[in-house]
Amino acid sequence: MSHAGKNLRYLRKLRGWTQEEFANKLNIKRSLVGAYEEERAEPRLEVLEHICGIFKLSLDELLLKDLTGAPKAGGGSYLDKRRQLKTGGEAQHIHFVPVKAAAGYLAGYADPEFVDELNTFTLPMLAPGHYRAFEIVGDSMLPTPSGSVIVGEKVDDIEDVKSSNTYIVISRNEGIVYKRILRNNRVKNKMTLVSDNPIYEPYNINSEDVLEVWKAQMVITKANMQQRWDVNQLAGLVNDLQEQVTTLKKKIVN
C-alpha cells in the first residue's frame, strides 16, 4: 500500500505551503497536487524524485512509510527523523588535532586508541566521508590566519591529489603542514608544497615520506581574525604568485 498521497499532504502542511506553492516548487499544476493528495492519481517518478530531494527522503520512505507518525506497522515520523539528524544522531564525529597534540599525532596517527582520545565535534553540512580537523599556526597561509582549524577529508591514494588544491600534509620530516600541493606528473616521487603567503618559498618533499593527506574542505576561523587586504596588497600578492608559478615551471622544464 502506497502512502504517497497522505505523505505529500503531511509534508506540504508541515512546511506551511499551499497546494499552489507546492505545485510551483514541483513545476506542476495545482490540480495535480490535489489529485495526488486525494489519491486520485499517482505522482510520476520525476515528481517523486523531486519531492525526495526537497525533504531528504528515499523513494521507499516516501511511498511505503507513514511519515505522519501514525501508530501503524512500518510507520516512522518524518519529524523524528529530522530531529535525530539535527541532534547528531547520524552526524559524523570529527576528531580534532590541536597544535599541542601535533607531536603525539605524528607518533600515534595510525593508533585507533590514540585517535579515540582526541576531542570530537560534528558539522552537519559535510557530505559523507572520513574527516579530521587540524589546528594550524603561523602566517604561511595568509590570509588564513594562525589558529584556524582546517577540516580535511582523507585522501586514501596520493595519486588522487589535485594540483593547486589545499591539503593538510602529514610527513615524517615536515610534521603537520597546511599547503597547496603542486604535482609534476613526470616526477612521481615528489610533490611541491606552496604557501599562499608569497614571502615563503615553495619546497619539495618525497612522496614516500608522506604519512597522510587530507583535502581541505572547510576553514574554521575565529571572528575578526581574518586578515583584510587592500587593492595594492592583492595586486602584489598576485604578482608574487605569478612569479613563483613561472619559476616552478622553469624548474620543471629543466
Protein backbone atom coordinates (compact mmCIF):
# COMPACT_ATOMS: atom_id res chain seq x y z
CA MET A 1 0.00 0.00 0.00
CA SER A 2 1.37 3.38 -1.03
CA HIS A 3 1.37 6.21 1.49
CA ALA A 4 2.35 8.79 -1.15
CA GLY A 5 -0.86 10.83 -1.06
CA LYS A 6 -1.06 11.05 2.74
CA ASN A 7 2.69 11.79 3.00
CA LEU A 8 2.57 14.56 0.37
CA ARG A 9 -0.27 16.30 2.18
CA TYR A 10 1.53 15.92 5.53
CA LEU A 11 4.88 17.21 4.25
CA ARG A 12 3.27 20.15 2.46
CA LYS A 13 1.39 21.26 5.56
CA LEU A 14 4.49 20.74 7.68
CA ARG A 15 6.23 23.43 5.62
CA GLY A 16 3.15 25.65 5.66
CA TRP A 17 2.79 25.62 1.87
CA THR A 18 -0.48 25.94 -0.02
CA GLN A 19 -1.16 23.50 -2.83
CA GLU A 20 -0.34 26.31 -5.28
CA GLU A 21 3.01 26.99 -3.62
CA PHE A 22 3.88 23.29 -3.51
CA ALA A 23 2.91 22.92 -7.17
CA ASN A 24 5.20 25.81 -8.13
CA LYS A 25 8.12 24.16 -6.35
CA LEU A 26 7.45 20.91 -8.22
CA ASN A 27 6.80 22.66 -11.58
CA ILE A 28 3.38 21.04 -11.93
CA LYS A 29 -0.24 22.23 -11.91
CA ARG A 30 -2.00 22.87 -8.59
CA SER A 31 -4.76 20.45 -9.61
CA LEU A 32 -2.21 17.67 -9.79
CA VAL A 33 -1.14 18.27 -6.18
CA GLY A 34 -4.77 17.93 -5.13
CA ALA A 35 -5.15 14.75 -7.17
CA TYR A 36 -2.05 13.24 -5.61
CA GLU A 37 -3.06 14.11 -2.06
CA GLU A 38 -6.59 12.75 -2.58
CA GLU A 39 -5.10 9.63 -4.19
CA ARG A 40 -6.98 10.20 -7.44
CA ALA A 41 -3.68 10.00 -9.32
CA GLU A 42 -0.20 8.58 -8.78
CA PRO A 43 2.74 11.01 -8.97
CA ARG A 44 5.17 10.49 -11.85
CA LEU A 45 8.64 9.21 -10.97
CA GLU A 46 10.34 12.56 -11.69
CA VAL A 47 7.87 14.30 -9.34
CA LEU A 48 8.54 11.74 -6.61
CA GLU A 49 12.30 12.20 -7.01
CA HIS A 50 11.89 15.99 -6.77
CA ILE A 51 9.88 15.62 -3.56
CA CYS A 52 12.50 13.25 -2.12
CA GLY A 53 15.18 15.83 -2.88
CA ILE A 54 13.27 18.61 -1.12
CA PHE A 55 12.58 16.60 2.03
CA LYS A 56 15.76 14.46 2.09
CA LEU A 57 13.88 11.18 1.80
CA SER A 58 14.31 7.96 -0.12
CA LEU A 59 11.61 6.74 -2.50
CA ASP A 60 10.92 3.82 -0.16
CA GLU A 61 10.32 6.20 2.74
CA LEU A 62 8.02 8.43 0.72
CA LEU A 63 5.98 5.60 -0.74
CA LEU A 64 6.00 2.85 1.88
CA LYS A 65 6.25 4.57 5.27
CA ASP A 66 3.62 6.57 7.08
CA LEU A 67 5.66 9.71 7.82
CA THR A 68 2.91 11.28 9.92
CA GLY A 69 3.96 9.13 12.86
CA ALA A 70 0.62 7.34 12.99
CA PRO A 71 0.87 4.13 15.09
CA LYS A 72 0.81 1.67 12.18
CA ALA A 73 3.17 -1.05 11.06
CA GLY A 74 6.09 0.41 9.17
CA GLY A 75 5.43 3.93 10.42
CA GLY A 76 8.22 6.36 11.20
CA SER A 77 7.69 10.04 11.94
CA TYR A 78 9.40 12.36 9.48
CA LEU A 79 9.85 14.91 12.28
CA ASP A 80 11.53 12.31 14.50
CA LYS A 81 13.99 11.54 11.71
CA ARG A 82 14.81 15.21 11.12
CA ARG A 83 15.27 15.81 14.85
CA GLN A 84 17.69 12.89 15.00
CA LEU A 85 19.72 14.35 12.16
CA LYS A 86 19.82 17.80 13.76
CA THR A 87 20.93 16.45 17.13
CA GLY A 88 23.77 14.50 15.55
CA GLY A 89 22.17 11.08 15.67
CA GLU A 90 23.63 10.34 12.22
CA ALA A 91 26.32 13.02 12.16
CA GLN A 92 29.98 12.16 11.75
CA HIS A 93 32.27 12.74 14.68
CA ILE A 94 35.34 14.65 13.50
CA HIS A 95 38.48 14.12 15.57
CA PHE A 96 40.28 17.39 16.32
CA VAL A 97 44.09 17.60 16.40
CA PRO A 98 45.15 20.80 18.23
CA VAL A 99 48.68 22.16 17.92
CA LYS A 100 49.62 20.76 21.34
CA ALA A 101 48.74 17.25 20.13
CA ALA A 102 50.66 17.52 16.85
CA ALA A 103 53.77 15.69 18.08
CA GLY A 104 51.69 12.91 19.58
CA TYR A 105 49.65 12.62 16.40
CA LEU A 106 52.76 12.01 14.30
CA ALA A 107 53.57 9.05 16.53
CA GLY A 108 50.03 7.78 17.01
CA TYR A 109 48.12 8.74 13.84
CA ALA A 110 47.66 5.04 12.98
CA ASP A 111 46.78 4.02 16.54
CA PRO A 112 42.97 3.84 16.98
CA GLU A 113 43.32 4.21 20.75
CA PHE A 114 45.29 7.46 20.38
CA VAL A 115 42.81 8.85 17.85
CA ASP A 116 39.87 7.93 20.07
CA GLU A 117 41.35 10.06 22.87
CA LEU A 118 41.15 13.20 20.71
CA ASN A 119 38.18 15.52 21.20
CA THR A 120 35.48 15.37 18.54
CA PHE A 121 32.81 17.65 17.07
CA THR A 122 30.22 17.43 14.29
CA LEU A 123 29.43 19.52 11.22
CA PRO A 124 26.05 18.63 9.68
CA MET A 125 26.81 20.30 6.33
CA LEU A 126 29.55 17.86 5.36
CA ALA A 127 28.89 15.14 2.81
CA PRO A 128 29.55 11.53 3.86
CA GLY A 129 33.27 10.85 4.14
CA HIS A 130 36.21 10.41 6.51
CA TYR A 131 37.16 13.76 8.08
CA ARG A 132 39.69 15.10 10.56
CA ALA A 133 40.37 18.64 11.82
CA PHE A 134 43.79 20.21 12.39
CA GLU A 135 44.75 23.48 14.06
CA ILE A 136 47.36 25.45 12.13
CA VAL A 137 49.81 28.08 13.35
CA GLY A 138 51.95 30.67 11.58
CA ASP A 139 51.37 33.08 8.73
CA SER A 140 52.47 30.96 5.77
CA MET A 141 48.89 30.53 4.52
CA LEU A 142 47.67 34.08 4.97
CA PRO A 143 45.01 35.36 4.58
CA THR A 144 44.03 32.18 6.50
CA PRO A 145 45.16 33.29 9.99
CA SER A 146 47.18 31.40 12.56
CA GLY A 147 44.95 29.42 14.90
CA SER A 148 42.47 28.45 12.18
CA VAL A 149 41.09 24.92 12.12
CA ILE A 150 41.20 23.10 8.79
CA VAL A 151 38.67 20.31 8.30
CA GLY A 152 40.07 17.82 5.83
CA GLU A 153 38.72 14.76 4.05
CA LYS A 154 41.02 11.74 3.94
CA VAL A 155 42.83 11.11 0.64
CA ASP A 156 43.40 7.37 0.53
CA ASP A 157 45.56 7.36 -2.61
CA ILE A 158 48.19 10.06 -3.05
CA GLU A 159 47.62 9.82 -6.80
CA ASP A 160 44.19 11.39 -6.22
CA VAL A 161 45.77 14.66 -5.07
CA LYS A 162 44.73 17.54 -7.34
CA SER A 163 47.40 20.07 -8.20
CA SER A 164 46.96 23.59 -6.73
CA ASN A 165 44.35 22.49 -4.17
CA THR A 166 44.95 22.94 -0.44
CA TYR A 167 45.71 19.97 1.82
CA ILE A 168 46.84 19.06 5.29
CA VAL A 169 50.00 17.03 4.69
CA ILE A 170 51.47 14.85 7.44
CA SER A 171 55.03 13.75 6.71
CA ARG A 172 57.95 12.31 8.66
CA ASN A 173 60.24 15.30 8.14
CA GLU A 174 57.84 18.28 7.97
CA GLY A 175 55.22 17.19 10.50
CA ILE A 176 51.73 18.61 10.02
CA VAL A 177 51.51 21.41 7.46
CA TYR A 178 48.72 23.15 5.57
CA LYS A 179 49.80 23.93 1.99
CA ARG A 180 48.87 23.90 -1.65
CA ILE A 181 50.23 20.90 -3.49
CA LEU A 182 51.72 21.11 -6.96
CA ARG A 183 52.18 17.81 -8.78
CA ASN A 184 54.67 17.09 -11.56
CA ASN A 185 53.32 14.12 -13.48
CA ARG A 186 56.78 13.37 -14.81
CA VAL A 187 58.24 13.08 -11.32
CA LYS A 188 56.14 10.57 -9.38
CA ASN A 189 58.10 10.51 -6.14
CA LYS A 190 57.99 14.22 -5.26
CA MET A 191 55.42 16.92 -4.59
CA THR A 192 55.86 20.66 -4.19
CA LEU A 193 54.28 22.41 -1.21
CA VAL A 194 53.35 26.05 -1.79
CA SER A 195 52.30 28.69 0.76
CA ASP A 196 49.61 31.26 0.00
CA ASN A 197 51.82 33.88 1.62
CA PRO A 198 54.35 34.67 -1.15
CA ILE A 199 57.18 35.52 1.27
CA TYR A 200 57.57 31.79 1.84
CA GLU A 201 59.37 29.81 -0.85
CA PRO A 202 57.88 26.57 -2.19
CA TYR A 203 59.71 23.38 -1.28
CA ASN A 204 59.70 19.73 -2.32
CA ILE A 205 59.06 16.64 -0.24
CA ASN A 206 59.38 12.98 -1.12
CA SER A 207 56.11 11.16 -1.56
CA GLU A 208 57.47 8.19 0.37
CA ASP A 209 57.84 10.43 3.44
CA VAL A 210 54.14 11.35 3.40
CA LEU A 211 52.11 9.59 6.08
CA GLU A 212 48.67 11.10 5.47
CA VAL A 213 46.99 13.65 3.20
CA TRP A 214 43.70 15.38 3.99
CA LYS A 215 41.97 17.54 1.38
CA ALA A 216 40.84 20.84 2.92
CA GLN A 217 37.04 21.09 2.89
CA MET A 218 36.34 23.80 5.46
CA VAL A 219 38.28 26.51 7.30
CA ILE A 220 37.04 27.46 10.76
CA THR A 221 38.36 30.85 11.88
CA LYS A 222 37.69 32.98 14.93
CA ALA A 223 35.60 36.09 14.26
CA ASN A 224 37.59 39.22 13.35
CA MET A 225 40.78 37.19 12.86
CA GLN A 226 40.65 37.10 9.06
CA GLN A 227 43.24 39.45 7.58
CA ARG A 228 41.90 42.23 5.37
CA TRP A 229 43.73 43.07 2.17
CA ASP A 230 43.70 46.36 0.29
CA VAL A 231 43.90 46.57 -3.50
CA ASN A 232 47.66 47.18 -3.55
CA GLN A 233 48.31 44.21 -1.30
CA LEU A 234 46.19 41.96 -3.51
CA ALA A 235 47.94 43.17 -6.65
CA GLY A 236 51.33 42.48 -5.07
CA LEU A 237 50.18 39.04 -3.94
CA VAL A 238 49.02 38.12 -7.44
CA ASN A 239 52.30 39.30 -8.97
CA ASP A 240 54.34 37.33 -6.46
CA LEU A 241 52.31 34.18 -7.05
CA GLN A 242 52.68 34.56 -10.82
CA GLU A 243 56.45 34.85 -10.41
CA GLN A 244 56.52 31.75 -8.23
CA VAL A 245 54.49 29.76 -10.77
CA THR A 246 56.79 30.91 -13.61
CA THR A 247 59.88 29.90 -11.60
CA LEU A 248 58.40 26.48 -10.81
CA LYS A 249 57.51 25.87 -14.44
CA LYS A 250 61.08 26.66 -15.48
CA LYS A 251 62.41 24.24 -12.87
CA ILE A 252 60.06 21.52 -14.07
CA VAL A 253 61.04 22.02 -17.72
CA ASN A 254 64.73 21.94 -16.85
